[in-house]
Amino acid sequence: MTKTEKSRLHGTTWDVYLYILTSQEPVGVRDVWRQLQLSTPSLAQYHVNKLLHDDLIKTTVYGKYEINDDLQIEALKNFVVFKGKLIPHLVVYGAIIAGLFISYVIFYPIRWDFRDLIVFAVCTISLLAFLFEAYNQYRSLAITKTVDKRS
């Protein structure tokens, strides 16, 4: 996206984009209007038209709207959509570390020697770091929205 396109994607348009992104099936203007509790359907149509103009969404054969997978917003590159939720990639990495640690505890007898303490420390610190950074990434979506609204 260019700088001018990014400047237009804030506030309600950002909310509409996130709603269409996280919906599990294509949505219509009335769905956007009802879900986001906008004042009129024409306001929802206005924001949908802005997204269509920027090629961020596309129209299906049934006249509903879905995300254009060919174009991705920079702020959302570190997220994956899973069952209608935006999840930072770092949560997945944290889950892998947690799975490895649980496997270690199950398959190796814990003797609380130096090796066990190092494994416990590395897994705990890694898991906390991944989850903290994932939380910060998720919060940055809301912060980006409020900063863009003021400009």
Protein backbone atom coordinates (compact mmCIF):
# COMPACT_ATOMS: atom_id res chain seq x y z
CA MET A 1 0.00 0.00 0.00
CA THR A 2 1.12 3.53 -0.61
CA LYS A 3 1.24 6.23 2.04
CA THR A 4 -1.99 7.87 0.85
CA GLU A 5 -3.83 4.56 0.97
CA LYS A 6 -2.58 3.93 4.50
CA SER A 7 -3.75 7.34 5.64
CA ARG A 8 -7.29 6.53 4.53
CA LEU A 9 -7.40 3.23 6.41
CA HIS A 10 -8.19 4.31 9.95
CA GLY A 11 -11.13 4.69 12.27
CA THR A 12 -14.33 3.10 11.02
CA THR A 13 -12.73 1.97 7.76
CA TRP A 14 -10.13 0.06 9.80
CA ASP A 15 -12.95 -1.52 11.84
CA VAL A 16 -14.78 -2.53 8.65
CA TYR A 17 -11.58 -4.04 7.24
CA LEU A 18 -10.91 -6.02 10.43
CA TYR A 19 -14.51 -7.22 10.52
CA ILE A 20 -14.36 -8.47 6.92
CA LEU A 21 -10.93 -10.00 7.58
CA THR A 22 -12.06 -11.93 10.64
CA SER A 23 -15.45 -13.03 9.34
CA GLN A 24 -15.42 -16.66 8.31
CA GLU A 25 -17.54 -16.10 5.22
CA PRO A 26 -18.14 -13.21 2.81
CA VAL A 27 -20.25 -10.40 4.29
CA GLY A 28 -22.70 -7.90 2.89
CA VAL A 29 -23.12 -4.22 3.63
CA ARG A 30 -26.00 -4.89 6.01
CA ASP A 31 -23.84 -7.37 7.94
CA VAL A 32 -21.18 -4.68 8.34
CA TRP A 33 -23.81 -2.12 9.33
CA ARG A 34 -25.37 -4.37 11.98
CA GLN A 35 -22.18 -5.84 13.40
CA LEU A 36 -20.36 -2.53 13.76
CA GLN A 37 -23.54 -0.70 14.80
CA LEU A 38 -23.08 2.08 12.27
CA SER A 39 -25.74 4.78 11.98
CA THR A 40 -26.89 3.91 8.45
CA PRO A 41 -26.26 1.22 5.83
CA SER A 42 -25.02 3.93 3.47
CA LEU A 43 -22.22 4.72 5.93
CA ALA A 44 -21.23 1.06 5.87
CA GLN A 45 -21.35 1.17 2.06
CA TYR A 46 -19.11 4.26 2.06
CA HIS A 47 -16.41 2.46 4.07
CA VAL A 48 -16.75 -0.70 1.99
CA ASN A 49 -16.34 1.40 -1.16
CA LYS A 50 -13.12 2.91 0.26
CA LEU A 51 -11.77 -0.59 0.81
CA LEU A 52 -12.87 -1.67 -2.68
CA HIS A 53 -11.16 1.38 -4.19
CA ASP A 54 -7.89 0.42 -2.46
CA ASP A 55 -8.30 -3.22 -3.63
CA LEU A 56 -8.17 -4.42 -0.02
CA ILE A 57 -11.43 -6.32 -0.45
CA LYS A 58 -13.15 -7.84 -3.46
CA THR A 59 -16.72 -8.62 -4.42
CA THR A 60 -17.87 -12.23 -4.67
CA VAL A 61 -20.24 -13.50 -7.35
CA TYR A 62 -23.09 -13.18 -4.83
CA GLY A 63 -22.44 -9.47 -4.20
CA LYS A 64 -20.80 -9.97 -0.81
CA TYR A 65 -17.34 -8.85 0.19
CA GLU A 66 -14.22 -10.73 1.22
CA ILE A 67 -10.57 -9.92 1.76
CA ASN A 68 -8.34 -9.63 -1.29
CA ASP A 69 -5.60 -12.14 -0.51
CA ASP A 70 -3.29 -10.62 -3.12
CA LEU A 71 -2.80 -7.44 -1.08
CA GLN A 72 -1.84 -7.46 2.58
CA ILE A 73 -1.56 -4.60 5.05
CA GLU A 74 1.88 -4.21 6.62
CA ALA A 75 0.47 -3.94 10.16
CA LEU A 76 -1.20 -7.37 9.81
CA LYS A 77 1.71 -9.34 8.34
CA ASN A 78 2.62 -10.75 11.76
CA PHE A 79 -0.89 -12.09 12.35
CA VAL A 80 -2.76 -15.16 11.22
CA VAL A 81 -6.55 -15.46 11.12
CA PHE A 82 -7.71 -18.60 12.91
CA LYS A 83 -11.45 -19.25 13.29
CA GLY A 84 -12.27 -15.58 12.98
CA LYS A 85 -9.61 -14.34 15.41
CA LEU A 86 -6.43 -12.42 14.71
CA ILE A 87 -3.58 -14.29 16.37
CA PRO A 88 0.03 -13.03 16.40
CA HIS A 89 2.59 -15.49 15.00
CA LEU A 90 4.45 -15.25 18.28
CA VAL A 91 1.60 -17.06 20.05
CA VAL A 92 2.21 -20.01 17.74
CA TYR A 93 5.92 -19.94 18.56
CA GLY A 94 5.09 -19.82 22.26
CA ALA A 95 2.80 -22.82 21.84
CA ILE A 96 5.64 -24.74 20.19
CA ILE A 97 7.97 -23.95 23.09
CA ALA A 98 5.27 -24.97 25.59
CA GLY A 99 4.70 -28.23 23.67
CA LEU A 100 8.39 -29.01 23.66
CA PHE A 101 8.62 -28.33 27.38
CA ILE A 102 5.59 -30.52 28.15
CA SER A 103 7.09 -33.30 26.01
CA TYR A 104 10.36 -32.97 27.90
CA VAL A 105 8.57 -33.26 31.25
CA ILE A 106 6.54 -36.27 30.10
CA PHE A 107 9.27 -38.28 28.37
CA TYR A 108 12.31 -37.52 30.54
CA PRO A 109 12.39 -38.13 34.27
CA ILE A 110 12.84 -34.88 36.18
CA ARG A 111 15.87 -35.07 38.47
CA TRP A 112 16.21 -31.32 39.04
CA ASP A 113 19.83 -31.41 37.98
CA PHE A 114 21.59 -28.70 35.99
CA ARG A 115 20.13 -29.87 32.65
CA ASP A 116 16.55 -29.80 33.97
CA LEU A 117 17.02 -26.35 35.49
CA ILE A 118 18.45 -24.97 32.24
CA VAL A 119 15.61 -26.47 30.17
CA PHE A 120 13.06 -25.08 32.62
CA ALA A 121 14.67 -21.62 32.63
CA VAL A 122 15.07 -21.41 28.83
CA CYS A 123 11.51 -22.60 28.17
CA THR A 124 10.00 -20.27 30.77
CA ILE A 125 11.92 -17.21 29.61
CA SER A 126 11.22 -17.98 25.93
CA LEU A 127 7.52 -18.56 26.53
CA LEU A 128 7.16 -15.37 28.56
CA ALA A 129 9.06 -13.36 25.92
CA PHE A 130 6.93 -14.72 23.06
CA LEU A 131 3.67 -14.08 24.90
CA PHE A 132 4.71 -10.59 26.01
CA GLU A 133 5.67 -9.60 22.47
CA ALA A 134 2.48 -11.16 21.09
CA TYR A 135 0.46 -9.09 23.55
CA ASN A 136 2.30 -5.95 22.45
CA GLN A 137 1.65 -6.76 18.79
CA TYR A 138 -2.05 -7.28 19.45
CA ARG A 139 -2.26 -4.03 21.41
CA SER A 140 -0.51 -2.19 18.59
CA LEU A 141 -3.59 -2.73 16.40
CA ALA A 142 -5.71 -0.66 18.79
CA ILE A 143 -2.94 1.91 19.30
CA THR A 144 -2.48 2.27 15.53
CA LYS A 145 -6.20 2.84 15.18
CA THR A 146 -6.33 5.59 17.81
CA VAL A 147 -3.21 7.31 16.50
CA ASP A 148 -4.58 7.26 12.95
CA LYS A 149 -7.93 8.62 14.14
CA ARG A 150 -6.27 11.73 15.55
CA SER A 151 -4.34 12.51 12.38
